[in-house]
């Protein structure tokens, strides 16, 4: 089961990375990708995705929430 879950995480990461390639400022994909990277322990990639999410957040409250999440990660 754990191996299966790992495969699903990597599949999800790949799908979100593709979405971000197609639409670099797609906030929902960046936020999800950051969370998946965090789950895998890829802190640098998570921070990069969060930084991009900050810049593409749809409103000030969401932008602040992404900044806080980024600060906790660093």
N, C-alpha and C. Protein backbone atom coordinates (compact mmCIF):
# COMPACT_ATOMS: atom_id res chain seq x y z
N UNK A 1 0.84 -1.21 0.00
CA UNK A 1 0.00 0.00 0.00
C UNK A 1 0.87 1.26 0.00
N UNK A 2 1.94 1.28 0.80
CA UNK A 2 2.80 2.46 0.85
C UNK A 2 3.44 2.73 -0.51
N UNK A 3 3.87 1.68 -1.18
CA UNK A 3 4.46 1.84 -2.51
C UNK A 3 3.42 2.41 -3.47
N UNK A 4 2.20 1.92 -3.37
CA UNK A 4 1.11 2.41 -4.21
C UNK A 4 0.88 3.89 -3.95
N UNK A 5 0.84 4.28 -2.68
CA UNK A 5 0.65 5.69 -2.32
C UNK A 5 1.77 6.56 -2.88
N UNK A 6 3.00 6.05 -2.80
CA UNK A 6 4.13 6.80 -3.34
C UNK A 6 3.97 7.01 -4.84
N UNK A 7 3.52 5.98 -5.53
CA UNK A 7 3.29 6.09 -6.96
C UNK A 7 2.23 7.12 -7.29
N UNK A 8 1.18 7.16 -6.48
CA UNK A 8 0.12 8.14 -6.70
C UNK A 8 0.64 9.56 -6.47
N UNK A 9 1.49 9.74 -5.46
CA UNK A 9 2.07 11.07 -5.20
C UNK A 9 2.91 11.53 -6.39
N UNK A 10 3.76 10.64 -6.88
CA UNK A 10 4.60 11.03 -8.01
C UNK A 10 3.77 11.29 -9.26
N UNK A 11 2.70 10.52 -9.45
CA UNK A 11 1.81 10.76 -10.59
C UNK A 11 1.15 12.13 -10.46
N UNK A 12 0.71 12.45 -9.26
CA UNK A 12 0.07 13.75 -9.02
C UNK A 12 1.08 14.88 -9.23
N UNK A 13 2.29 14.71 -8.73
CA UNK A 13 3.32 15.73 -8.93
C UNK A 13 3.56 15.96 -10.42
N UNK A 14 3.69 14.87 -11.15
CA UNK A 14 3.91 14.99 -12.59
C UNK A 14 2.77 15.73 -13.27
N UNK A 15 1.55 15.42 -12.89
CA UNK A 15 0.38 16.07 -13.50
C UNK A 15 0.36 17.57 -13.19
N UNK A 16 0.64 17.93 -11.94
CA UNK A 16 0.65 19.35 -11.58
C UNK A 16 1.83 20.09 -12.23
N UNK A 17 2.98 19.42 -12.32
CA UNK A 17 4.11 20.05 -13.00
C UNK A 17 3.76 20.35 -14.46
N UNK A 18 3.06 19.42 -15.09
CA UNK A 18 2.64 19.63 -16.48
C UNK A 18 1.66 20.80 -16.58
N UNK A 19 0.73 20.86 -15.63
CA UNK A 19 -0.24 21.97 -15.63
C UNK A 19 0.47 23.31 -15.50
N UNK A 20 1.49 23.36 -14.65
CA UNK A 20 2.23 24.61 -14.44
C UNK A 20 3.09 24.94 -15.66
N UNK A 21 3.56 23.92 -16.37
CA UNK A 21 4.28 24.19 -17.62
C UNK A 21 3.36 24.88 -18.62
N UNK A 22 2.12 24.40 -18.68
CA UNK A 22 1.16 24.95 -19.63
C UNK A 22 0.64 26.32 -19.20
N UNK A 23 0.45 26.48 -17.90
CA UNK A 23 -0.07 27.75 -17.36
C UNK A 23 0.77 28.11 -16.13
N UNK A 24 1.88 28.81 -16.33
CA UNK A 24 2.85 29.07 -15.26
C UNK A 24 2.30 29.78 -14.02
N UNK A 25 1.22 30.52 -14.15
CA UNK A 25 0.67 31.24 -13.01
C UNK A 25 -0.63 30.63 -12.49
N UNK A 26 -0.84 29.36 -12.75
CA UNK A 26 -2.06 28.69 -12.30
C UNK A 26 -1.97 28.44 -10.80
N UNK A 27 -2.59 29.31 -10.04
CA UNK A 27 -2.45 29.30 -8.59
C UNK A 27 -2.80 27.95 -7.97
N UNK A 28 -3.93 27.37 -8.36
CA UNK A 28 -4.37 26.12 -7.75
C UNK A 28 -3.34 25.01 -7.93
N UNK A 29 -2.74 24.95 -9.11
CA UNK A 29 -1.73 23.93 -9.37
C UNK A 29 -0.46 24.19 -8.57
N UNK A 30 -0.05 25.45 -8.47
CA UNK A 30 1.14 25.78 -7.69
C UNK A 30 0.96 25.45 -6.22
N UNK A 31 -0.21 25.78 -5.68
CA UNK A 31 -0.49 25.49 -4.27
C UNK A 31 -0.49 23.98 -4.03
N UNK A 32 -1.14 23.24 -4.90
CA UNK A 32 -1.18 21.78 -4.75
C UNK A 32 0.21 21.18 -4.91
N UNK A 33 0.95 21.66 -5.87
CA UNK A 33 2.29 21.15 -6.10
C UNK A 33 3.18 21.40 -4.89
N UNK A 34 3.08 22.56 -4.28
CA UNK A 34 3.86 22.85 -3.07
C UNK A 34 3.53 21.85 -1.97
N UNK A 35 2.26 21.55 -1.79
CA UNK A 35 1.86 20.59 -0.77
C UNK A 35 2.40 19.20 -1.04
N UNK A 36 2.36 18.77 -2.29
CA UNK A 36 2.88 17.46 -2.64
C UNK A 36 4.39 17.40 -2.45
N UNK A 37 5.09 18.46 -2.85
CA UNK A 37 6.53 18.51 -2.63
C UNK A 37 6.85 18.44 -1.14
N UNK A 38 6.07 19.13 -0.32
CA UNK A 38 6.28 19.07 1.13
C UNK A 38 6.10 17.65 1.64
N UNK A 39 5.06 16.97 1.17
CA UNK A 39 4.81 15.59 1.60
C UNK A 39 6.00 14.69 1.27
N UNK A 40 6.63 14.93 0.13
CA UNK A 40 7.77 14.11 -0.28
C UNK A 40 9.08 14.56 0.35
N UNK A 41 9.06 15.69 1.06
CA UNK A 41 10.28 16.19 1.68
C UNK A 41 11.14 17.02 0.76
N UNK A 42 10.59 17.45 -0.37
CA UNK A 42 11.31 18.27 -1.33
C UNK A 42 11.13 19.74 -0.95
N UNK A 43 11.81 20.16 0.09
CA UNK A 43 11.58 21.49 0.66
C UNK A 43 11.93 22.62 -0.32
N UNK A 44 13.02 22.50 -1.03
CA UNK A 44 13.41 23.57 -1.96
C UNK A 44 12.36 23.72 -3.06
N UNK A 45 11.91 22.61 -3.63
CA UNK A 45 10.89 22.67 -4.67
C UNK A 45 9.58 23.21 -4.10
N UNK A 46 9.25 22.82 -2.88
CA UNK A 46 8.03 23.33 -2.24
C UNK A 46 8.13 24.85 -2.07
N UNK A 47 9.28 25.32 -1.63
CA UNK A 47 9.47 26.76 -1.44
C UNK A 47 9.36 27.50 -2.77
N UNK A 48 9.93 26.94 -3.83
CA UNK A 48 9.84 27.58 -5.14
C UNK A 48 8.39 27.67 -5.61
N UNK A 49 7.64 26.58 -5.42
CA UNK A 49 6.23 26.58 -5.83
C UNK A 49 5.43 27.57 -4.99
N UNK A 50 5.71 27.64 -3.69
CA UNK A 50 5.01 28.59 -2.84
C UNK A 50 5.33 30.03 -3.22
N UNK A 51 6.58 30.29 -3.54
CA UNK A 51 6.96 31.64 -3.95
C UNK A 51 6.19 32.05 -5.21
N UNK A 52 6.08 31.13 -6.13
CA UNK A 52 5.31 31.42 -7.35
C UNK A 52 3.82 31.57 -7.03
N UNK A 53 3.33 30.78 -6.08
CA UNK A 53 1.92 30.87 -5.68
C UNK A 53 1.63 32.23 -5.04
N UNK A 54 2.58 32.75 -4.28
CA UNK A 54 2.41 34.08 -3.68
C UNK A 54 2.14 35.10 -4.78
N UNK A 55 2.90 35.02 -5.86
CA UNK A 55 2.78 36.01 -6.94
C UNK A 55 1.54 35.81 -7.80
N UNK A 56 0.94 34.63 -7.74
CA UNK A 56 -0.24 34.38 -8.58
C UNK A 56 -1.52 34.22 -7.74
N UNK A 57 -1.42 34.49 -6.45
CA UNK A 57 -2.59 34.36 -5.57
C UNK A 57 -3.72 35.28 -6.04
N UNK A 58 -4.96 34.80 -5.92
CA UNK A 58 -6.09 35.57 -6.45
C UNK A 58 -6.49 36.78 -5.62
N UNK A 59 -6.04 36.85 -4.36
CA UNK A 59 -6.44 37.97 -3.51
C UNK A 59 -5.42 38.16 -2.39
N UNK A 60 -5.46 39.32 -1.71
CA UNK A 60 -4.47 39.61 -0.66
C UNK A 60 -4.46 38.60 0.49
N UNK A 61 -5.62 38.12 0.89
CA UNK A 61 -5.67 37.17 2.01
C UNK A 61 -4.98 35.87 1.64
N UNK A 62 -5.24 35.39 0.45
CA UNK A 62 -4.60 34.16 -0.01
C UNK A 62 -3.10 34.37 -0.17
N UNK A 63 -2.71 35.52 -0.69
CA UNK A 63 -1.29 35.84 -0.83
C UNK A 63 -0.60 35.82 0.53
N UNK A 64 -1.23 36.41 1.54
CA UNK A 64 -0.66 36.40 2.89
C UNK A 64 -0.56 34.99 3.44
N UNK A 65 -1.58 34.17 3.20
CA UNK A 65 -1.55 32.78 3.67
C UNK A 65 -0.40 32.01 3.01
N UNK A 66 -0.17 32.24 1.74
CA UNK A 66 0.93 31.57 1.04
C UNK A 66 2.28 32.07 1.57
N UNK A 67 2.38 33.35 1.87
CA UNK A 67 3.62 33.88 2.46
C UNK A 67 3.90 33.23 3.81
N UNK A 68 2.87 33.10 4.63
CA UNK A 68 3.03 32.47 5.94
C UNK A 68 3.48 31.02 5.80
N UNK A 69 2.87 30.33 4.86
CA UNK A 69 3.24 28.93 4.62
C UNK A 69 4.69 28.85 4.16
N UNK A 70 5.09 29.77 3.31
CA UNK A 70 6.48 29.80 2.84
C UNK A 70 7.44 30.08 3.99
N UNK A 71 7.10 31.02 4.85
CA UNK A 71 7.97 31.33 5.99
C UNK A 71 8.11 30.14 6.93
N UNK A 72 7.03 29.40 7.14
CA UNK A 72 7.11 28.20 8.00
C UNK A 72 8.01 27.14 7.38
N UNK A 73 8.01 27.08 6.08
CA UNK A 73 8.83 26.08 5.38
C UNK A 73 10.31 26.43 5.45
N UNK A 74 10.61 27.72 5.41
CA UNK A 74 12.02 28.16 5.44
C UNK A 74 12.49 28.15 6.85
